[in-house]
Amino acid sequence: MKNQFLKERTKIYSIEIVRFCLRQQTGGVIPSEILKQLLRSSTSVGANYRAACRGKSIADFVNKLKIVVEEADESLFWLELVEELYPSLAEDIESLKIESNEIIAICVSSISTSRKNYNV
């Protein structure tokens, strides 16, 4: 059940960032290269979480979760960069940053628990 909840949550996270980027493409001032990087890393979060759930072993699950953490952290970097460059977007970005941090925390905790319980 927890896996299904996080699958949905990471998908919604990706969708919300795609929507943010689409709004910025139509009349925004953020360089397209930054938006592309943000799109790439944020959509990778959901895709890699789904891959982790299909891991062939606990070690495979842990390794794929590490990728989720990396991609969520990269997404957070791009969001912070946009916020610093364009402070007027801070309100739009805040909930996305919070969700990035929460996904990172959940996955780091899952990695730690898996390592402890399965000696990975």
N, C-alpha and C. Protein backbone atom coordinates (compact mmCIF):
# COMPACT_ATOMS: atom_id res chain seq x y z
N MET A 1 0.82 -1.20 0.00
CA MET A 1 0.00 0.00 0.00
C MET A 1 0.86 1.26 0.00
N LYS A 2 1.94 1.26 0.82
CA LYS A 2 2.83 2.42 0.88
C LYS A 2 3.45 2.68 -0.49
N ASN A 3 3.85 1.59 -1.20
CA ASN A 3 4.44 1.77 -2.52
C ASN A 3 3.48 2.46 -3.47
N GLN A 4 2.20 2.05 -3.44
CA GLN A 4 1.21 2.66 -4.33
C GLN A 4 1.01 4.13 -4.01
N PHE A 5 0.99 4.46 -2.73
CA PHE A 5 0.84 5.85 -2.31
C PHE A 5 2.00 6.70 -2.83
N LEU A 6 3.22 6.19 -2.69
CA LEU A 6 4.38 6.95 -3.16
C LEU A 6 4.47 6.99 -4.68
N LYS A 7 4.01 5.94 -5.35
CA LYS A 7 3.96 5.98 -6.82
C LYS A 7 3.08 7.14 -7.26
N GLU A 8 1.92 7.24 -6.64
CA GLU A 8 0.99 8.31 -7.00
C GLU A 8 1.56 9.68 -6.61
N ARG A 9 2.15 9.75 -5.44
CA ARG A 9 2.69 11.03 -4.96
C ARG A 9 3.82 11.52 -5.86
N THR A 10 4.72 10.63 -6.27
CA THR A 10 5.82 11.06 -7.14
C THR A 10 5.31 11.42 -8.53
N LYS A 11 4.24 10.77 -8.97
CA LYS A 11 3.65 11.13 -10.27
C LYS A 11 3.02 12.52 -10.19
N ILE A 12 2.29 12.78 -9.13
CA ILE A 12 1.67 14.10 -8.95
C ILE A 12 2.75 15.18 -8.86
N TYR A 13 3.84 14.87 -8.17
CA TYR A 13 4.98 15.80 -8.07
C TYR A 13 5.47 16.16 -9.47
N SER A 14 5.67 15.16 -10.30
CA SER A 14 6.13 15.40 -11.67
C SER A 14 5.12 16.24 -12.45
N ILE A 15 3.86 15.92 -12.31
CA ILE A 15 2.81 16.65 -13.03
C ILE A 15 2.79 18.11 -12.60
N GLU A 16 2.91 18.37 -11.31
CA GLU A 16 2.88 19.75 -10.83
C GLU A 16 4.07 20.55 -11.35
N ILE A 17 5.22 19.93 -11.44
CA ILE A 17 6.39 20.65 -11.98
C ILE A 17 6.23 20.86 -13.48
N VAL A 18 5.69 19.88 -14.19
CA VAL A 18 5.43 20.06 -15.62
C VAL A 18 4.48 21.25 -15.82
N ARG A 19 3.44 21.30 -15.02
CA ARG A 19 2.48 22.42 -15.13
C ARG A 19 3.16 23.76 -14.84
N PHE A 20 4.01 23.79 -13.81
CA PHE A 20 4.76 25.01 -13.50
C PHE A 20 5.60 25.43 -14.71
N CYS A 21 6.33 24.48 -15.28
CA CYS A 21 7.21 24.78 -16.42
C CYS A 21 6.41 25.24 -17.63
N LEU A 22 5.26 24.62 -17.86
CA LEU A 22 4.42 25.04 -18.99
C LEU A 22 3.94 26.48 -18.81
N ARG A 23 3.59 26.83 -17.59
CA ARG A 23 3.17 28.22 -17.33
C ARG A 23 4.33 29.18 -17.61
N GLN A 24 5.54 28.77 -17.30
CA GLN A 24 6.71 29.63 -17.50
C GLN A 24 7.09 29.74 -18.97
N GLN A 25 6.83 28.68 -19.74
CA GLN A 25 7.16 28.72 -21.16
C GLN A 25 6.28 29.72 -21.91
N THR A 26 5.07 29.89 -21.43
CA THR A 26 4.15 30.82 -22.10
C THR A 26 4.23 32.18 -21.42
N GLY A 27 5.20 32.96 -21.83
CA GLY A 27 5.32 34.31 -21.32
C GLY A 27 6.29 34.49 -20.17
N GLY A 28 6.91 33.42 -19.72
CA GLY A 28 7.86 33.53 -18.62
C GLY A 28 9.23 33.99 -19.10
N VAL A 29 10.11 34.23 -18.14
CA VAL A 29 11.44 34.73 -18.48
C VAL A 29 12.54 33.71 -18.14
N ILE A 30 12.16 32.57 -17.60
CA ILE A 30 13.15 31.56 -17.23
C ILE A 30 13.74 30.95 -18.49
N PRO A 31 15.06 30.88 -18.60
CA PRO A 31 15.68 30.28 -19.78
C PRO A 31 15.20 28.84 -19.99
N SER A 32 14.97 28.50 -21.24
CA SER A 32 14.44 27.16 -21.56
C SER A 32 15.38 26.05 -21.10
N GLU A 33 16.68 26.30 -21.05
CA GLU A 33 17.64 25.28 -20.61
C GLU A 33 17.39 24.90 -19.15
N ILE A 34 17.07 25.89 -18.33
CA ILE A 34 16.78 25.61 -16.92
C ILE A 34 15.48 24.84 -16.80
N LEU A 35 14.46 25.24 -17.55
CA LEU A 35 13.19 24.53 -17.52
C LEU A 35 13.36 23.09 -17.97
N LYS A 36 14.16 22.88 -19.00
CA LYS A 36 14.39 21.50 -19.49
C LYS A 36 15.07 20.65 -18.42
N GLN A 37 16.04 21.21 -17.75
CA GLN A 37 16.73 20.46 -16.69
C GLN A 37 15.76 20.12 -15.56
N LEU A 38 14.94 21.09 -15.18
CA LEU A 38 13.95 20.86 -14.13
C LEU A 38 12.94 19.80 -14.55
N LEU A 39 12.48 19.88 -15.78
CA LEU A 39 11.54 18.87 -16.29
C LEU A 39 12.17 17.49 -16.29
N ARG A 40 13.40 17.38 -16.75
CA ARG A 40 14.07 16.10 -16.84
C ARG A 40 14.23 15.47 -15.46
N SER A 41 14.75 16.24 -14.52
CA SER A 41 15.02 15.67 -13.20
C SER A 41 13.73 15.36 -12.44
N SER A 42 12.74 16.22 -12.53
CA SER A 42 11.50 16.00 -11.77
C SER A 42 10.69 14.83 -12.31
N THR A 43 10.64 14.67 -13.62
CA THR A 43 9.89 13.52 -14.16
C THR A 43 10.64 12.22 -13.91
N SER A 44 11.93 12.31 -13.76
CA SER A 44 12.74 11.14 -13.44
C SER A 44 12.45 10.61 -12.03
N VAL A 45 12.01 11.48 -11.14
CA VAL A 45 11.69 11.07 -9.77
C VAL A 45 10.62 9.97 -9.78
N GLY A 46 9.50 10.25 -10.43
CA GLY A 46 8.41 9.28 -10.49
C GLY A 46 8.78 8.03 -11.25
N ALA A 47 9.47 8.20 -12.37
CA ALA A 47 9.85 7.04 -13.18
C ALA A 47 10.80 6.12 -12.43
N ASN A 48 11.76 6.71 -11.73
CA ASN A 48 12.72 5.88 -10.99
C ASN A 48 12.12 5.27 -9.73
N TYR A 49 11.14 5.94 -9.13
CA TYR A 49 10.47 5.32 -7.98
C TYR A 49 9.71 4.08 -8.44
N ARG A 50 9.05 4.17 -9.57
CA ARG A 50 8.34 3.00 -10.11
C ARG A 50 9.33 1.87 -10.41
N ALA A 51 10.48 2.22 -10.95
CA ALA A 51 11.51 1.22 -11.22
C ALA A 51 12.00 0.59 -9.92
N ALA A 52 12.14 1.39 -8.88
CA ALA A 52 12.58 0.86 -7.59
C ALA A 52 11.58 -0.17 -7.06
N CYS A 53 10.30 0.12 -7.24
CA CYS A 53 9.27 -0.81 -6.77
C CYS A 53 9.31 -2.14 -7.50
N ARG A 54 9.89 -2.15 -8.68
CA ARG A 54 10.03 -3.38 -9.45
C ARG A 54 11.42 -3.99 -9.31
N GLY A 55 12.18 -3.50 -8.35
CA GLY A 55 13.55 -3.98 -8.15
C GLY A 55 13.59 -5.49 -7.97
N LYS A 56 14.65 -6.09 -8.48
CA LYS A 56 14.80 -7.54 -8.44
C LYS A 56 15.27 -8.06 -7.09
N SER A 57 15.79 -7.15 -6.27
CA SER A 57 16.29 -7.52 -4.96
C SER A 57 16.24 -6.27 -4.07
N ILE A 58 16.49 -6.46 -2.80
CA ILE A 58 16.54 -5.32 -1.89
C ILE A 58 17.67 -4.38 -2.31
N ALA A 59 18.82 -4.94 -2.70
CA ALA A 59 19.95 -4.11 -3.13
C ALA A 59 19.57 -3.29 -4.37
N ASP A 60 18.85 -3.90 -5.30
CA ASP A 60 18.40 -3.20 -6.49
C ASP A 60 17.41 -2.10 -6.11
N PHE A 61 16.50 -2.40 -5.20
CA PHE A 61 15.53 -1.41 -4.69
C PHE A 61 16.27 -0.21 -4.10
N VAL A 62 17.26 -0.48 -3.24
CA VAL A 62 18.02 0.58 -2.59
C VAL A 62 18.76 1.42 -3.62
N ASN A 63 19.41 0.78 -4.57
CA ASN A 63 20.16 1.53 -5.59
C ASN A 63 19.25 2.43 -6.42
N LYS A 64 18.06 1.93 -6.74
CA LYS A 64 17.14 2.75 -7.53
C LYS A 64 16.55 3.88 -6.69
N LEU A 65 16.35 3.62 -5.40
CA LEU A 65 15.89 4.71 -4.52
C LEU A 65 16.95 5.80 -4.42
N LYS A 66 18.22 5.42 -4.46
CA LYS A 66 19.29 6.43 -4.44
C LYS A 66 19.17 7.36 -5.65
N ILE A 67 18.78 6.80 -6.78
CA ILE A 67 18.59 7.62 -7.98
C ILE A 67 17.43 8.58 -7.77
N VAL A 68 16.35 8.10 -7.14
CA VAL A 68 15.22 8.98 -6.84
C VAL A 68 15.68 10.15 -5.99
N VAL A 69 16.48 9.87 -4.96
CA VAL A 69 16.98 10.93 -4.09
C VAL A 69 17.82 11.92 -4.89
N GLU A 70 18.70 11.42 -5.74
CA GLU A 70 19.55 12.30 -6.55
C GLU A 70 18.71 13.20 -7.46
N GLU A 71 17.72 12.61 -8.11
CA GLU A 71 16.89 13.38 -9.05
C GLU A 71 16.01 14.39 -8.32
N ALA A 72 15.47 14.01 -7.16
CA ALA A 72 14.67 14.95 -6.38
C ALA A 72 15.54 16.09 -5.86
N ASP A 73 16.77 15.77 -5.47
CA ASP A 73 17.69 16.81 -5.01
C ASP A 73 18.09 17.73 -6.16
N GLU A 74 18.29 17.17 -7.34
CA GLU A 74 18.60 18.02 -8.50
C GLU A 74 17.41 18.91 -8.83
N SER A 75 16.20 18.37 -8.75
CA SER A 75 15.00 19.18 -8.98
C SER A 75 14.95 20.33 -7.98
N LEU A 76 15.26 20.02 -6.73
CA LEU A 76 15.28 21.04 -5.69
C LEU A 76 16.30 22.13 -6.02
N PHE A 77 17.46 21.73 -6.52
CA PHE A 77 18.48 22.70 -6.93
C PHE A 77 17.92 23.66 -7.98
N TRP A 78 17.28 23.12 -9.03
CA TRP A 78 16.76 23.97 -10.10
C TRP A 78 15.66 24.88 -9.58
N LEU A 79 14.82 24.36 -8.69
CA LEU A 79 13.77 25.19 -8.10
C LEU A 79 14.37 26.33 -7.28
N GLU A 80 15.39 26.03 -6.49
CA GLU A 80 16.05 27.07 -5.70
C GLU A 80 16.72 28.10 -6.60
N LEU A 81 17.33 27.64 -7.67
CA LEU A 81 17.97 28.55 -8.61
C LEU A 81 16.95 29.50 -9.23
N VAL A 82 15.83 28.94 -9.67
CA VAL A 82 14.77 29.77 -10.25
C VAL A 82 14.26 30.77 -9.22
N GLU A 83 14.08 30.32 -8.00
CA GLU A 83 13.58 31.20 -6.95
C GLU A 83 14.55 32.36 -6.68
N GLU A 84 15.84 32.07 -6.69
CA GLU A 84 16.83 33.13 -6.46
C GLU A 84 16.92 34.09 -7.64
N LEU A 85 16.80 33.56 -8.84
CA LEU A 85 16.87 34.41 -10.03
C LEU A 85 15.59 35.22 -10.23
N TYR A 86 14.46 34.64 -9.84
CA TYR A 86 13.15 35.25 -10.07
C TYR A 86 12.34 35.21 -8.77
N PRO A 87 12.66 36.08 -7.81
CA PRO A 87 11.99 36.07 -6.51
C PRO A 87 10.46 36.18 -6.59
N SER A 88 9.98 36.78 -7.66
CA SER A 88 8.52 36.91 -7.80
C SER A 88 7.83 35.55 -7.94
N LEU A 89 8.58 34.50 -8.25
CA LEU A 89 8.02 33.15 -8.40
C LEU A 89 8.10 32.33 -7.12
N ALA A 90 8.62 32.93 -6.05
CA ALA A 90 8.84 32.19 -4.80
C ALA A 90 7.58 31.51 -4.29
N GLU A 91 6.46 32.20 -4.37
CA GLU A 91 5.21 31.63 -3.87
C GLU A 91 4.81 30.39 -4.68
N ASP A 92 4.99 30.44 -6.00
CA ASP A 92 4.66 29.29 -6.86
C ASP A 92 5.59 28.11 -6.60
N ILE A 93 6.80 28.39 -6.23
CA ILE A 93 7.84 27.37 -6.08
C ILE A 93 7.83 26.72 -4.70
N GLU A 94 7.34 27.42 -3.70
CA GLU A 94 7.46 26.94 -2.31
C GLU A 94 6.89 25.54 -2.11
N SER A 95 5.69 25.28 -2.59
CA SER A 95 5.10 23.95 -2.38
C SER A 95 5.87 22.87 -3.12
N LEU A 96 6.46 23.21 -4.26
CA LEU A 96 7.26 22.25 -5.02
C LEU A 96 8.55 21.92 -4.26
N LYS A 97 9.13 22.93 -3.63
CA LYS A 97 10.34 22.70 -2.82
C LYS A 97 10.01 21.84 -1.61
N ILE A 98 8.90 22.10 -0.98
CA ILE A 98 8.50 21.31 0.19
C ILE A 98 8.31 19.84 -0.22
N GLU A 99 7.64 19.63 -1.34
CA GLU A 99 7.40 18.25 -1.79
C GLU A 99 8.72 17.58 -2.17
N SER A 100 9.64 18.31 -2.78
CA SER A 100 10.96 17.75 -3.10
C SER A 100 11.64 17.26 -1.83
N ASN A 101 11.65 18.11 -0.82
CA ASN A 101 12.29 17.75 0.45
C ASN A 101 11.61 16.57 1.12
N GLU A 102 10.29 16.51 1.05
CA GLU A 102 9.58 15.39 1.67
C GLU A 102 9.86 14.08 0.95
N ILE A 103 9.90 14.11 -0.37
CA ILE A 103 10.21 12.89 -1.13
C ILE A 103 11.63 12.43 -0.81
N ILE A 104 12.56 13.38 -0.74
CA ILE A 104 13.94 13.03 -0.37
C ILE A 104 13.97 12.38 1.00
N ALA A 105 13.30 12.98 1.97
CA ALA A 105 13.31 12.45 3.34
C ALA A 105 12.70 11.05 3.40
N ILE A 106 11.59 10.84 2.71
CA ILE A 106 10.94 9.52 2.71
C ILE A 106 11.87 8.47 2.10
N CYS A 107 12.49 8.81 0.99
CA CYS A 107 13.36 7.84 0.31
C CYS A 107 14.63 7.57 1.10
N VAL A 108 15.21 8.60 1.70
CA VAL A 108 16.41 8.40 2.52
C VAL A 108 16.07 7.49 3.70
N SER A 109 14.91 7.71 4.29
CA SER A 109 14.47 6.86 5.40
C SER A 109 14.26 5.41 4.93
N SER A 110 13.66 5.24 3.78
CA SER A 110 13.46 3.89 3.23
C SER A 110 14.78 3.19 2.93
N ILE A 111 15.73 3.95 2.42
CA ILE A 111 17.06 3.38 2.16
C ILE A 111 17.68 2.93 3.47
N SER A 112 17.63 3.78 4.47
CA SER A 112 18.22 3.47 5.77
C SER A 112 17.55 2.24 6.40
N THR A 113 16.24 2.20 6.36
CA THR A 113 15.50 1.05 6.91
C THR A 113 15.83 -0.23 6.16
N SER A 114 15.88 -0.16 4.85
CA SER A 114 16.19 -1.35 4.04
C SER A 114 17.59 -1.85 4.34
N ARG A 115 18.53 -0.94 4.44
CA ARG A 115 19.91 -1.33 4.75
C ARG A 115 19.99 -2.00 6.13
N LYS A 116 19.30 -1.42 7.09
CA LYS A 116 19.34 -1.94 8.45
C LYS A 116 18.65 -3.31 8.54
N ASN A 117 17.48 -3.42 7.93
CA ASN A 117 16.70 -4.66 8.03
C ASN A 117 17.24 -5.81 7.17
N TYR A 118 17.89 -5.48 6.07
CA TYR A 118 18.33 -6.51 5.14
C TYR A 118 19.84 -6.54 4.95
N ASN A 119 20.58 -5.79 5.76
CA ASN A 119 22.05 -5.77 5.68
C ASN A 119 22.54 -5.49 4.27
N VAL A 120 21.98 -4.47 3.65
CA VAL A 120 22.37 -4.13 2.27
C VAL A 120 23.47 -3.09 2.31
